Amino acid sequence: MKVIKKKNASFGKKLACKGSGFGEGMGGCGALLQVVPADISNNLSTGGDAHWFWCPLCGAKTFVSYNTFK
């Protein structure tokens, strides 16, 4: 994952760090991030269906939809 410094990002999706009550920046820092599918974590192996990414700046965990990259 990388922090977007310019407007034209060619791969992935631009997602904001919103936080979800986890990590140091519990509310998220609001950074605009270039998130690629490999940055998304999930708990499918344990029977869950949550998907999220961690912000590299504040450490907040932001949940995203399963369909984010479809």
N, C-alpha and C. Protein backbone atom coordinates (compact mmCIF):
# COMPACT_ATOMS: atom_id res chain seq x y z
N MET A 1 0.85 -1.17 0.00
CA MET A 1 0.00 0.00 0.00
C MET A 1 0.89 1.22 0.00
N LYS A 2 0.45 2.29 -0.67
CA LYS A 2 1.21 3.52 -0.66
C LYS A 2 0.28 4.70 -0.45
N VAL A 3 0.79 5.73 0.09
CA VAL A 3 0.03 6.95 0.28
C VAL A 3 0.02 7.68 -1.05
N ILE A 4 -1.11 8.15 -1.48
CA ILE A 4 -1.22 8.84 -2.77
C ILE A 4 -0.71 10.27 -2.62
N LYS A 5 0.21 10.62 -3.48
CA LYS A 5 0.76 11.97 -3.49
C LYS A 5 0.26 12.75 -4.70
N LYS A 6 -0.27 12.02 -5.69
CA LYS A 6 -0.75 12.67 -6.89
C LYS A 6 -2.17 12.17 -7.21
N LYS A 7 -2.84 12.86 -8.08
CA LYS A 7 -4.23 12.52 -8.38
C LYS A 7 -4.38 11.31 -9.29
N ASN A 8 -3.47 11.06 -10.19
CA ASN A 8 -3.63 9.98 -11.17
C ASN A 8 -2.96 8.70 -10.70
N ALA A 9 -3.70 7.84 -10.08
CA ALA A 9 -3.19 6.52 -9.67
C ALA A 9 -3.75 5.51 -10.67
N SER A 10 -2.91 4.63 -11.15
CA SER A 10 -3.35 3.76 -12.24
C SER A 10 -3.82 2.39 -11.80
N PHE A 11 -3.52 1.96 -10.58
CA PHE A 11 -3.89 0.61 -10.18
C PHE A 11 -4.52 0.63 -8.80
N GLY A 12 -5.53 -0.18 -8.60
CA GLY A 12 -6.19 -0.25 -7.31
C GLY A 12 -7.29 0.79 -7.20
N LYS A 13 -7.65 1.07 -5.97
CA LYS A 13 -8.71 2.05 -5.72
C LYS A 13 -8.23 3.05 -4.69
N LYS A 14 -8.74 4.26 -4.82
CA LYS A 14 -8.44 5.29 -3.84
C LYS A 14 -9.45 5.15 -2.71
N LEU A 15 -8.96 4.82 -1.53
CA LEU A 15 -9.83 4.65 -0.37
C LEU A 15 -9.30 5.50 0.78
N ALA A 16 -10.20 6.06 1.55
CA ALA A 16 -9.81 6.89 2.69
C ALA A 16 -9.66 6.05 3.94
N CYS A 17 -8.72 6.43 4.78
CA CYS A 17 -8.53 5.80 6.08
C CYS A 17 -9.62 6.36 6.99
N LYS A 18 -10.61 5.55 7.28
CA LYS A 18 -11.72 5.97 8.13
C LYS A 18 -11.62 5.40 9.53
N GLY A 19 -10.87 4.30 9.66
CA GLY A 19 -10.77 3.65 10.96
C GLY A 19 -12.08 3.01 11.35
N SER A 20 -12.02 2.11 12.28
CA SER A 20 -13.22 1.43 12.74
C SER A 20 -13.09 1.07 14.21
N GLY A 21 -12.36 1.88 14.94
CA GLY A 21 -12.19 1.62 16.35
C GLY A 21 -11.01 0.74 16.68
N PHE A 22 -10.12 0.47 15.71
CA PHE A 22 -8.95 -0.37 15.93
C PHE A 22 -7.70 0.41 15.58
N GLY A 23 -6.58 0.06 16.17
CA GLY A 23 -5.31 0.69 15.84
C GLY A 23 -5.10 1.99 16.58
N GLU A 24 -3.91 2.56 16.41
CA GLU A 24 -3.55 3.78 17.11
C GLU A 24 -4.46 4.94 16.76
N GLY A 25 -4.80 5.08 15.48
CA GLY A 25 -5.61 6.20 15.04
C GLY A 25 -7.08 5.84 15.03
N MET A 26 -7.59 5.32 16.10
CA MET A 26 -8.90 4.68 16.18
C MET A 26 -9.95 5.25 15.24
N GLY A 27 -10.00 6.54 15.05
CA GLY A 27 -10.98 7.12 14.15
C GLY A 27 -10.45 7.22 12.73
N GLY A 28 -9.23 6.82 12.49
CA GLY A 28 -8.62 6.96 11.18
C GLY A 28 -8.08 8.36 11.00
N CYS A 29 -7.12 8.49 10.11
CA CYS A 29 -6.47 9.79 9.92
C CYS A 29 -6.99 10.53 8.68
N GLY A 30 -7.83 9.87 7.90
CA GLY A 30 -8.39 10.51 6.72
C GLY A 30 -7.49 10.50 5.49
N ALA A 31 -6.33 9.87 5.58
CA ALA A 31 -5.40 9.83 4.45
C ALA A 31 -6.05 9.13 3.26
N LEU A 32 -5.78 9.62 2.06
CA LEU A 32 -6.24 8.97 0.85
C LEU A 32 -5.17 7.98 0.43
N LEU A 33 -5.55 6.72 0.34
CA LEU A 33 -4.59 5.65 0.08
C LEU A 33 -4.89 4.94 -1.24
N GLN A 34 -3.85 4.49 -1.90
CA GLN A 34 -3.99 3.66 -3.09
C GLN A 34 -3.97 2.21 -2.59
N VAL A 35 -5.13 1.58 -2.55
CA VAL A 35 -5.25 0.23 -2.00
C VAL A 35 -5.43 -0.76 -3.15
N VAL A 36 -4.62 -1.79 -3.15
CA VAL A 36 -4.71 -2.86 -4.16
C VAL A 36 -5.28 -4.11 -3.49
N PRO A 37 -5.79 -5.05 -4.26
CA PRO A 37 -6.39 -6.26 -3.65
C PRO A 37 -5.47 -6.96 -2.65
N ALA A 38 -4.17 -6.96 -2.88
CA ALA A 38 -3.24 -7.64 -1.96
C ALA A 38 -3.18 -6.96 -0.59
N ASP A 39 -3.63 -5.72 -0.49
CA ASP A 39 -3.62 -4.99 0.78
C ASP A 39 -4.81 -5.35 1.67
N ILE A 40 -5.80 -6.02 1.10
CA ILE A 40 -7.01 -6.35 1.83
C ILE A 40 -6.81 -7.64 2.62
N SER A 41 -7.10 -7.57 3.91
CA SER A 41 -7.06 -8.75 4.77
C SER A 41 -8.49 -9.22 5.01
N ASN A 42 -8.63 -10.49 5.38
CA ASN A 42 -9.97 -10.99 5.69
C ASN A 42 -9.88 -12.12 6.69
N ASN A 43 -11.03 -12.55 7.17
CA ASN A 43 -11.07 -13.66 8.11
C ASN A 43 -11.89 -14.82 7.54
N LEU A 44 -11.84 -14.99 6.22
CA LEU A 44 -12.60 -16.06 5.58
C LEU A 44 -12.15 -17.44 6.04
N SER A 45 -10.87 -17.60 6.38
CA SER A 45 -10.37 -18.91 6.79
C SER A 45 -10.96 -19.37 8.13
N THR A 46 -11.47 -18.42 8.91
CA THR A 46 -12.06 -18.78 10.20
C THR A 46 -13.58 -18.72 10.17
N GLY A 47 -14.14 -18.61 8.97
CA GLY A 47 -15.59 -18.60 8.83
C GLY A 47 -16.22 -17.23 8.86
N GLY A 48 -15.43 -16.18 8.98
CA GLY A 48 -15.98 -14.83 8.98
C GLY A 48 -16.09 -14.28 7.58
N ASP A 49 -16.62 -13.08 7.45
CA ASP A 49 -16.74 -12.49 6.12
C ASP A 49 -16.31 -11.02 6.12
N ALA A 50 -15.48 -10.61 7.07
CA ALA A 50 -15.02 -9.23 7.14
C ALA A 50 -13.79 -9.03 6.26
N HIS A 51 -13.69 -7.85 5.66
CA HIS A 51 -12.56 -7.45 4.82
C HIS A 51 -12.10 -6.08 5.28
N TRP A 52 -10.78 -5.85 5.35
CA TRP A 52 -10.26 -4.59 5.83
C TRP A 52 -8.86 -4.34 5.30
N PHE A 53 -8.40 -3.10 5.49
CA PHE A 53 -7.00 -2.76 5.23
C PHE A 53 -6.49 -1.95 6.41
N TRP A 54 -5.17 -2.00 6.63
CA TRP A 54 -4.53 -1.24 7.70
C TRP A 54 -3.89 0.00 7.10
N CYS A 55 -4.06 1.14 7.72
CA CYS A 55 -3.43 2.38 7.26
C CYS A 55 -1.95 2.37 7.63
N PRO A 56 -1.06 2.63 6.67
CA PRO A 56 0.38 2.65 6.97
C PRO A 56 0.80 3.89 7.76
N LEU A 57 -0.05 4.90 7.81
CA LEU A 57 0.30 6.12 8.53
C LEU A 57 -0.10 6.09 10.00
N CYS A 58 -1.34 5.68 10.29
CA CYS A 58 -1.82 5.75 11.67
C CYS A 58 -2.10 4.37 12.28
N GLY A 59 -2.11 3.32 11.45
CA GLY A 59 -2.34 1.98 11.97
C GLY A 59 -3.80 1.62 12.15
N ALA A 60 -4.72 2.49 11.74
CA ALA A 60 -6.14 2.21 11.90
C ALA A 60 -6.59 1.12 10.92
N LYS A 61 -7.56 0.36 11.33
CA LYS A 61 -8.13 -0.72 10.53
C LYS A 61 -9.44 -0.19 9.95
N THR A 62 -9.56 -0.18 8.61
CA THR A 62 -10.76 0.30 7.95
C THR A 62 -11.43 -0.86 7.22
N PHE A 63 -12.67 -1.12 7.55
CA PHE A 63 -13.41 -2.20 6.90
C PHE A 63 -13.91 -1.76 5.53
N VAL A 64 -13.90 -2.69 4.57
CA VAL A 64 -14.38 -2.43 3.21
C VAL A 64 -15.33 -3.55 2.81
N SER A 65 -16.09 -3.30 1.78
CA SER A 65 -17.03 -4.28 1.26
C SER A 65 -16.30 -5.39 0.51
N TYR A 66 -16.90 -6.55 0.52
CA TYR A 66 -16.39 -7.70 -0.24
C TYR A 66 -16.27 -7.35 -1.72
N ASN A 67 -17.16 -6.50 -2.20
CA ASN A 67 -17.21 -6.15 -3.62
C ASN A 67 -16.32 -4.98 -4.00
N THR A 68 -15.46 -4.53 -3.12
CA THR A 68 -14.63 -3.35 -3.38
C THR A 68 -13.84 -3.44 -4.68
N PHE A 69 -13.31 -4.61 -5.00
CA PHE A 69 -12.48 -4.75 -6.20
C PHE A 69 -13.15 -5.56 -7.30
N LYS A 70 -14.45 -5.67 -7.26
CA LYS A 70 -15.17 -6.42 -8.32
C LYS A 70 -15.70 -5.50 -9.36
